[in-house]
Amino acid sequence: MFLIMMMATIIFIISLVVMLLASILSKKSLVDREKSSPFECGFDPKSSSRLPFSLRFFLITIIFLIFDVEIALILPMIIILKFSNLMIWTITSIIFILILLIGLYHEWNQGMLNWSA
């Protein structure tokens, strides 16, 4: 127990020393205008805030979120395969993937229509 506490203390001291050295040796520029300005995705913070939002950026964001949720829903299906009926699992998986493909096709068509306009 003493050895574990001693190792934890040594690790804490080493990490504290490294953090202090990094903060002392790093160059800090307080007047850097680009770093101090707010960054908003798809917007230029120096111009008017009432400009229309970029539709391309919005569609890419929505597609990313959809695929992110899809992965979170598809991964447990692999684990459930061991515990469920193979026929029901196959039908459910096919229906789920078809719904995702139809949604992807719809988003892609809407994006192409909006980009060509």
C-alpha atoms as a PDB file:
ATOM      1  CA  MET A   1       0.000   0.000   0.000  1.00  0.00           C
ATOM      2  CA  PHE A   2       2.853   2.341   0.832  1.00  0.00           C
ATOM      3  CA  LEU A   3       4.491   1.612  -2.523  1.00  0.00           C
ATOM      4  CA  ILE A   4       1.301   2.503  -4.436  1.00  0.00           C
ATOM      5  CA  MET A   5       0.938   5.771  -2.507  1.00  0.00           C
ATOM      6  CA  MET A   6       4.585   6.604  -3.136  1.00  0.00           C
ATOM      7  CA  MET A   7       4.238   5.945  -6.883  1.00  0.00           C
ATOM      8  CA  ALA A   8       1.065   8.034  -7.061  1.00  0.00           C
ATOM      9  CA  THR A   9       2.827  10.903  -5.292  1.00  0.00           C
ATOM     10  CA  ILE A  10       5.831  10.727  -7.620  1.00  0.00           C
ATOM     11  CA  ILE A  11       3.564  10.660 -10.692  1.00  0.00           C
ATOM     12  CA  PHE A  12       1.611  13.644  -9.359  1.00  0.00           C
ATOM     13  CA  ILE A  13       4.807  15.630  -8.722  1.00  0.00           C
ATOM     14  CA  ILE A  14       6.238  14.824 -12.160  1.00  0.00           C
ATOM     15  CA  SER A  15       3.028  15.833 -13.933  1.00  0.00           C
ATOM     16  CA  LEU A  16       2.824  19.040 -11.878  1.00  0.00           C
ATOM     17  CA  VAL A  17       6.419  19.933 -12.803  1.00  0.00           C
ATOM     18  CA  VAL A  18       5.787  19.260 -16.498  1.00  0.00           C
ATOM     19  CA  MET A  19       2.634  21.419 -16.470  1.00  0.00           C
ATOM     20  CA  LEU A  20       4.431  24.250 -14.724  1.00  0.00           C
ATOM     21  CA  LEU A  21       7.350  24.104 -17.174  1.00  0.00           C
ATOM     22  CA  ALA A  22       4.968  24.087 -20.127  1.00  0.00           C
ATOM     23  CA  SER A  23       3.079  27.123 -18.863  1.00  0.00           C
ATOM     24  CA  ILE A  24       6.280  29.029 -18.098  1.00  0.00           C
ATOM     25  CA  LEU A  25       8.015  28.258 -21.397  1.00  0.00           C
ATOM     26  CA  SER A  26       5.006  28.682 -23.680  1.00  0.00           C
ATOM     27  CA  LYS A  27       4.556  31.853 -25.700  1.00  0.00           C
ATOM     28  CA  LYS A  28       1.382  33.588 -24.683  1.00  0.00           C
ATOM     29  CA  SER A  29       0.096  36.327 -26.923  1.00  0.00           C
ATOM     30  CA  LEU A  30      -2.716  38.254 -25.311  1.00  0.00           C
ATOM     31  CA  VAL A  31      -3.182  40.598 -28.260  1.00  0.00           C
ATOM     32  CA  ASP A  32      -3.661  37.955 -30.951  1.00  0.00           C
ATOM     33  CA  ARG A  33      -6.836  39.188 -32.629  1.00  0.00           C
ATOM     34  CA  GLU A  34      -7.691  35.947 -34.437  1.00  0.00           C
ATOM     35  CA  LYS A  35      -7.467  33.816 -31.307  1.00  0.00           C
ATOM     36  CA  SER A  36      -9.450  36.217 -29.160  1.00  0.00           C
ATOM     37  CA  SER A  37     -12.311  36.549 -31.651  1.00  0.00           C
ATOM     38  CA  PRO A  38     -15.265  34.156 -31.345  1.00  0.00           C
ATOM     39  CA  PHE A  39     -15.418  31.348 -33.874  1.00  0.00           C
ATOM     40  CA  GLU A  40     -18.839  30.375 -35.113  1.00  0.00           C
ATOM     41  CA  CYS A  41     -19.078  27.550 -37.595  1.00  0.00           C
ATOM     42  CA  GLY A  42     -19.786  28.838 -41.074  1.00  0.00           C
ATOM     43  CA  PHE A  43     -19.843  32.517 -40.089  1.00  0.00           C
ATOM     44  CA  ASP A  44     -17.343  35.330 -40.334  1.00  0.00           C
ATOM     45  CA  PRO A  45     -17.499  37.052 -36.918  1.00  0.00           C
ATOM     46  CA  LYS A  46     -16.266  40.357 -38.368  1.00  0.00           C
ATOM     47  CA  SER A  47     -19.245  40.825 -40.718  1.00  0.00           C
ATOM     48  CA  SER A  48     -22.966  41.288 -40.160  1.00  0.00           C
ATOM     49  CA  SER A  49     -24.712  38.605 -38.137  1.00  0.00           C
ATOM     50  CA  ARG A  50     -27.874  38.826 -40.265  1.00  0.00           C
ATOM     51  CA  LEU A  51     -26.417  37.221 -43.380  1.00  0.00           C
ATOM     52  CA  PRO A  52     -28.185  34.061 -44.598  1.00  0.00           C
ATOM     53  CA  PHE A  53     -26.822  30.776 -43.288  1.00  0.00           C
ATOM     54  CA  SER A  54     -24.835  28.569 -45.653  1.00  0.00           C
ATOM     55  CA  LEU A  55     -27.140  25.729 -46.711  1.00  0.00           C
ATOM     56  CA  ARG A  56     -24.231  23.506 -47.749  1.00  0.00           C
ATOM     57  CA  PHE A  57     -22.736  23.715 -44.278  1.00  0.00           C
ATOM     58  CA  PHE A  58     -26.130  22.965 -42.715  1.00  0.00           C
ATOM     59  CA  LEU A  59     -26.693  19.864 -44.892  1.00  0.00           C
ATOM     60  CA  ILE A  60     -23.233  18.498 -44.160  1.00  0.00           C
ATOM     61  CA  THR A  61     -23.863  18.983 -40.435  1.00  0.00           C
ATOM     62  CA  ILE A  62     -27.238  17.241 -40.577  1.00  0.00           C
ATOM     63  CA  ILE A  63     -25.825  14.293 -42.531  1.00  0.00           C
ATOM     64  CA  PHE A  64     -22.972  13.966 -40.025  1.00  0.00           C
ATOM     65  CA  LEU A  65     -25.443  13.939 -37.105  1.00  0.00           C
ATOM     66  CA  ILE A  66     -27.659  11.384 -38.828  1.00  0.00           C
ATOM     67  CA  PHE A  67     -24.730   9.041 -39.462  1.00  0.00           C
ATOM     68  CA  ASP A  68     -23.532   9.527 -35.905  1.00  0.00           C
ATOM     69  CA  VAL A  69     -26.902   8.410 -34.536  1.00  0.00           C
ATOM     70  CA  GLU A  70     -27.056   5.570 -37.057  1.00  0.00           C
ATOM     71  CA  ILE A  71     -23.798   4.136 -35.783  1.00  0.00           C
ATOM     72  CA  ALA A  72     -25.077   4.326 -32.210  1.00  0.00           C
ATOM     73  CA  LEU A  73     -28.164   2.349 -33.272  1.00  0.00           C
ATOM     74  CA  ILE A  74     -26.443  -0.181 -35.533  1.00  0.00           C
ATOM     75  CA  LEU A  75     -23.653  -1.261 -33.159  1.00  0.00           C
ATOM     76  CA  PRO A  76     -25.988  -2.789 -30.523  1.00  0.00           C
ATOM     77  CA  MET A  77     -27.692  -4.784 -33.286  1.00  0.00           C
ATOM     78  CA  ILE A  78     -24.517  -6.869 -33.615  1.00  0.00           C
ATOM     79  CA  ILE A  79     -24.571  -7.708 -29.898  1.00  0.00           C
ATOM     80  CA  ILE A  80     -28.299  -8.530 -29.970  1.00  0.00           C
ATOM     81  CA  LEU A  81     -27.692 -11.056 -32.772  1.00  0.00           C
ATOM     82  CA  LYS A  82     -26.539 -13.669 -30.244  1.00  0.00           C
ATOM     83  CA  PHE A  83     -29.654 -13.389 -28.105  1.00  0.00           C
ATOM     84  CA  SER A  84     -32.463 -13.014 -30.642  1.00  0.00           C
ATOM     85  CA  ASN A  85     -34.211 -15.035 -33.321  1.00  0.00           C
ATOM     86  CA  LEU A  86     -32.178 -14.871 -36.539  1.00  0.00           C
ATOM     87  CA  MET A  87     -35.219 -14.326 -38.799  1.00  0.00           C
ATOM     88  CA  ILE A  88     -36.653 -11.478 -36.712  1.00  0.00           C
ATOM     89  CA  TRP A  89     -33.200  -9.897 -36.363  1.00  0.00           C
ATOM     90  CA  THR A  90     -32.641 -10.069 -40.135  1.00  0.00           C
ATOM     91  CA  ILE A  91     -36.017  -8.518 -40.965  1.00  0.00           C
ATOM     92  CA  THR A  92     -35.542  -5.757 -38.385  1.00  0.00           C
ATOM     93  CA  SER A  93     -32.026  -5.007 -39.637  1.00  0.00           C
ATOM     94  CA  ILE A  94     -33.125  -4.884 -43.276  1.00  0.00           C
ATOM     95  CA  ILE A  95     -36.032  -2.551 -42.478  1.00  0.00           C
ATOM     96  CA  PHE A  96     -33.779  -0.292 -40.415  1.00  0.00           C
ATOM     97  CA  ILE A  97     -31.099  -0.103 -43.105  1.00  0.00           C
ATOM     98  CA  LEU A  98     -33.723   0.527 -45.814  1.00  0.00           C
ATOM     99  CA  ILE A  99     -35.136   3.443 -43.800  1.00  0.00           C
ATOM    100  CA  LEU A 100     -31.624   4.859 -43.452  1.00  0.00           C
ATOM    101  CA  LEU A 101     -30.910   4.461 -47.166  1.00  0.00           C
ATOM    102  CA  ILE A 102     -34.203   6.127 -48.134  1.00  0.00           C
ATOM    103  CA  GLY A 103     -33.395   9.024 -45.799  1.00  0.00           C
ATOM    104  CA  LEU A 104     -29.890   9.319 -47.246  1.00  0.00           C
ATOM    105  CA  TYR A 105     -31.293   9.320 -50.786  1.00  0.00           C
ATOM    106  CA  HIS A 106     -33.817  12.003 -49.837  1.00  0.00           C
ATOM    107  CA  GLU A 107     -31.149  14.198 -48.184  1.00  0.00           C
ATOM    108  CA  TRP A 108     -28.840  13.770 -51.147  1.00  0.00           C
ATOM    109  CA  ASN A 109     -31.574  14.762 -53.630  1.00  0.00           C
ATOM    110  CA  GLN A 110     -32.564  17.784 -51.538  1.00  0.00           C
ATOM    111  CA  GLY A 111     -28.944  18.832 -51.312  1.00  0.00           C
ATOM    112  CA  MET A 112     -28.438  18.522 -55.056  1.00  0.00           C
ATOM    113  CA  LEU A 113     -31.585  20.547 -55.736  1.00  0.00           C
ATOM    114  CA  ASN A 114     -30.472  23.301 -53.369  1.00  0.00           C
ATOM    115  CA  TRP A 115     -26.886  23.386 -54.640  1.00  0.00           C
ATOM    116  CA  SER A 116     -27.971  23.734 -58.261  1.00  0.00           C
ATOM    117  CA  ALA A 117     -30.242  26.686 -57.453  1.00  0.00           C
END
